[in-house]
Amino acid sequence: MLKLTDLIVDPKSLGNKLWLVDVSPAYEYQNNRRTDTVLGYRYAVALPEKGLDKVDVRIDGQQQMDAPDGYVEVRFDNLEVFIYWSKGDYHVGAKATGIHLVNPKA
C-alpha cells in the first residue's frame, strides 16, 4: 500500500518566492535523543504566496548563510519537499544541497 510519506512533493507547490527568515543547527539524534553533533543547518523560509507559512529546509554540512536581519529572498539547489509523520500528525519537510541569495547586493 502506498503511504502518504512515500510521495514526492513538487517544490513548485511552495510558490515562486522563498524568504529566508532564520537559520538554526540540525543536530543528530540517537534513540530519539538529541546529541551534540551538528549534521547541518535548517533554513527557515516563509512562503509569501502561501500566507507566509514556514518550511524548514535542511542542508547537511557547513553553514552556507547567516540568518538575515528581517528576510531575504533565496533559492535552493536540488530542493526536495517531502511529508513526514511526527508527534501524531503529518508535516512538510524539505532538504537541499545549497542556498543562494536571489538578488545579491553588489
C-alpha atoms as a PDB file:
ATOM      1  CA  MET A   1       0.000   0.000   0.000  1.00  0.00           C
ATOM      2  CA  LEU A   2       1.330   3.430  -0.965  1.00  0.00           C
ATOM      3  CA  LYS A   3       1.900   5.622   2.057  1.00  0.00           C
ATOM      4  CA  LEU A   4       1.454   9.381   2.097  1.00  0.00           C
ATOM      5  CA  THR A   5       5.033   9.701   3.345  1.00  0.00           C
ATOM      6  CA  ASP A   6       6.300   7.912   0.196  1.00  0.00           C
ATOM      7  CA  LEU A   7       5.016  10.660  -2.106  1.00  0.00           C
ATOM      8  CA  ILE A   8       7.399  13.196  -3.604  1.00  0.00           C
ATOM      9  CA  VAL A   9       6.021  16.732  -3.426  1.00  0.00           C
ATOM     10  CA  ASP A  10       6.791  19.151  -6.262  1.00  0.00           C
ATOM     11  CA  PRO A  11       8.904  22.019  -4.838  1.00  0.00           C
ATOM     12  CA  LYS A  12       6.898  24.398  -7.077  1.00  0.00           C
ATOM     13  CA  SER A  13       3.959  23.822  -4.710  1.00  0.00           C
ATOM     14  CA  LEU A  14       5.753  26.070  -2.179  1.00  0.00           C
ATOM     15  CA  GLY A  15       5.379  29.031  -4.562  1.00  0.00           C
ATOM     16  CA  ASN A  16       7.885  31.012  -6.601  1.00  0.00           C
ATOM     17  CA  LYS A  17       9.241  33.146  -3.769  1.00  0.00           C
ATOM     18  CA  LEU A  18      11.090  31.773  -0.744  1.00  0.00           C
ATOM     19  CA  TRP A  19      12.075  34.198   2.023  1.00  0.00           C
ATOM     20  CA  LEU A  20      14.823  33.111   4.404  1.00  0.00           C
ATOM     21  CA  VAL A  21      13.928  34.248   7.929  1.00  0.00           C
ATOM     22  CA  ASP A  22      16.089  32.123  10.252  1.00  0.00           C
ATOM     23  CA  VAL A  23      18.960  29.627  10.409  1.00  0.00           C
ATOM     24  CA  SER A  24      19.470  27.009  13.123  1.00  0.00           C
ATOM     25  CA  PRO A  25      21.705  23.950  13.624  1.00  0.00           C
ATOM     26  CA  ALA A  26      20.338  20.500  12.703  1.00  0.00           C
ATOM     27  CA  TYR A  27      21.509  18.014  15.335  1.00  0.00           C
ATOM     28  CA  GLU A  28      21.992  14.283  15.063  1.00  0.00           C
ATOM     29  CA  TYR A  29      19.503  12.179  17.034  1.00  0.00           C
ATOM     30  CA  GLN A  30      20.209   8.763  18.505  1.00  0.00           C
ATOM     31  CA  ASN A  31      17.468   6.742  20.212  1.00  0.00           C
ATOM     32  CA  ASN A  32      15.141   9.780  19.957  1.00  0.00           C
ATOM     33  CA  ARG A  33      17.615  11.907  21.923  1.00  0.00           C
ATOM     34  CA  ARG A  34      19.472  14.910  20.559  1.00  0.00           C
ATOM     35  CA  THR A  35      23.258  14.600  20.531  1.00  0.00           C
ATOM     36  CA  ASP A  36      25.740  17.495  20.443  1.00  0.00           C
ATOM     37  CA  THR A  37      26.701  16.570  16.866  1.00  0.00           C
ATOM     38  CA  VAL A  38      25.634  19.150  14.258  1.00  0.00           C
ATOM     39  CA  LEU A  39      24.917  17.427  10.920  1.00  0.00           C
ATOM     40  CA  GLY A  40      23.895  20.547   9.029  1.00  0.00           C
ATOM     41  CA  TYR A  41      21.615  23.558   9.244  1.00  0.00           C
ATOM     42  CA  ARG A  42      17.903  24.271   8.936  1.00  0.00           C
ATOM     43  CA  TYR A  43      16.991  27.303   6.868  1.00  0.00           C
ATOM     44  CA  ALA A  44      13.518  28.535   7.853  1.00  0.00           C
ATOM     45  CA  VAL A  45      11.760  30.025   4.835  1.00  0.00           C
ATOM     46  CA  ALA A  46       8.486  31.930   4.773  1.00  0.00           C
ATOM     47  CA  LEU A  47       6.237  31.379   1.751  1.00  0.00           C
ATOM     48  CA  PRO A  48       4.693  34.742   0.762  1.00  0.00           C
ATOM     49  CA  GLU A  49       2.431  33.074  -1.822  1.00  0.00           C
ATOM     50  CA  LYS A  50       1.126  30.646   0.836  1.00  0.00           C
ATOM     51  CA  GLY A  51       0.075  33.114   3.537  1.00  0.00           C
ATOM     52  CA  LEU A  52       3.621  33.239   4.970  1.00  0.00           C
ATOM     53  CA  ASP A  53       3.530  29.592   6.071  1.00  0.00           C
ATOM     54  CA  LYS A  54       7.009  28.432   7.017  1.00  0.00           C
ATOM     55  CA  VAL A  55       9.036  25.402   5.950  1.00  0.00           C
ATOM     56  CA  ASP A  56      12.460  24.343   7.249  1.00  0.00           C
ATOM     57  CA  VAL A  57      14.924  23.309   4.534  1.00  0.00           C
ATOM     58  CA  ARG A  58      17.790  21.181   5.828  1.00  0.00           C
ATOM     59  CA  ILE A  59      21.219  21.331   4.212  1.00  0.00           C
ATOM     60  CA  ASP A  60      23.835  18.954   5.577  1.00  0.00           C
ATOM     61  CA  GLY A  61      27.392  20.155   6.149  1.00  0.00           C
ATOM     62  CA  GLN A  62      28.768  23.616   6.819  1.00  0.00           C
ATOM     63  CA  GLN A  63      26.522  26.638   7.387  1.00  0.00           C
ATOM     64  CA  GLN A  64      26.055  28.323   3.998  1.00  0.00           C
ATOM     65  CA  MET A  65      24.230  31.509   5.004  1.00  0.00           C
ATOM     66  CA  ASP A  66      23.615  33.512   8.173  1.00  0.00           C
ATOM     67  CA  ALA A  67      20.161  34.404   9.470  1.00  0.00           C
ATOM     68  CA  PRO A  68      19.132  37.712   7.880  1.00  0.00           C
ATOM     69  CA  ASP A  69      18.003  40.863   9.631  1.00  0.00           C
ATOM     70  CA  GLY A  70      14.354  40.530   8.588  1.00  0.00           C
ATOM     71  CA  TYR A  71      14.244  38.343   5.472  1.00  0.00           C
ATOM     72  CA  VAL A  72      15.990  37.831   2.125  1.00  0.00           C
ATOM     73  CA  GLU A  73      14.757  36.045  -0.989  1.00  0.00           C
ATOM     74  CA  VAL A  74      16.662  32.808  -1.626  1.00  0.00           C
ATOM     75  CA  ARG A  75      16.764  29.854  -3.984  1.00  0.00           C
ATOM     76  CA  PHE A  76      17.944  26.316  -3.270  1.00  0.00           C
ATOM     77  CA  ASP A  77      19.993  23.741  -5.176  1.00  0.00           C
ATOM     78  CA  ASN A  78      18.357  20.310  -5.547  1.00  0.00           C
ATOM     79  CA  LEU A  79      15.351  21.206  -3.376  1.00  0.00           C
ATOM     80  CA  GLU A  80      13.277  18.193  -2.337  1.00  0.00           C
ATOM     81  CA  VAL A  81       9.988  18.528  -0.452  1.00  0.00           C
ATOM     82  CA  PHE A  82       8.501  15.611   1.480  1.00  0.00           C
ATOM     83  CA  ILE A  83       5.826  14.713   4.002  1.00  0.00           C
ATOM     84  CA  TYR A  84       6.733  13.116   7.329  1.00  0.00           C
ATOM     85  CA  TRP A  85       4.876  11.850  10.385  1.00  0.00           C
ATOM     86  CA  SER A  86       5.835  13.251  13.785  1.00  0.00           C
ATOM     87  CA  LYS A  87       4.061  13.594  17.134  1.00  0.00           C
ATOM     88  CA  GLY A  88       0.760  12.280  15.782  1.00  0.00           C
ATOM     89  CA  ASP A  89       0.485  14.486  12.697  1.00  0.00           C
ATOM     90  CA  TYR A  90       1.817  14.987   9.185  1.00  0.00           C
ATOM     91  CA  HIS A  91       4.337  17.754   8.489  1.00  0.00           C
ATOM     92  CA  VAL A  92       6.042  19.151   5.401  1.00  0.00           C
ATOM     93  CA  GLY A  93       9.825  18.996   5.376  1.00  0.00           C
ATOM     94  CA  ALA A  94      12.464  19.839   2.806  1.00  0.00           C
ATOM     95  CA  LYS A  95      16.117  19.287   2.071  1.00  0.00           C
ATOM     96  CA  ALA A  96      18.569  20.764  -0.408  1.00  0.00           C
ATOM     97  CA  THR A  97      22.276  20.823  -1.227  1.00  0.00           C
ATOM     98  CA  GLY A  98      22.809  24.597  -1.431  1.00  0.00           C
ATOM     99  CA  ILE A  99      21.242  28.004  -0.791  1.00  0.00           C
ATOM    100  CA  HIS A 100      21.806  31.294  -2.636  1.00  0.00           C
ATOM    101  CA  LEU A 101      20.564  34.875  -2.490  1.00  0.00           C
ATOM    102  CA  VAL A 102      18.228  35.683  -5.395  1.00  0.00           C
ATOM    103  CA  ASN A 103      19.347  39.335  -5.591  1.00  0.00           C
ATOM    104  CA  PRO A 104      22.808  39.579  -4.037  1.00  0.00           C
ATOM    105  CA  LYS A 105      23.943  43.103  -3.266  1.00  0.00           C
ATOM    106  CA  ALA A 106      26.967  44.016  -5.364  1.00  0.00           C
END
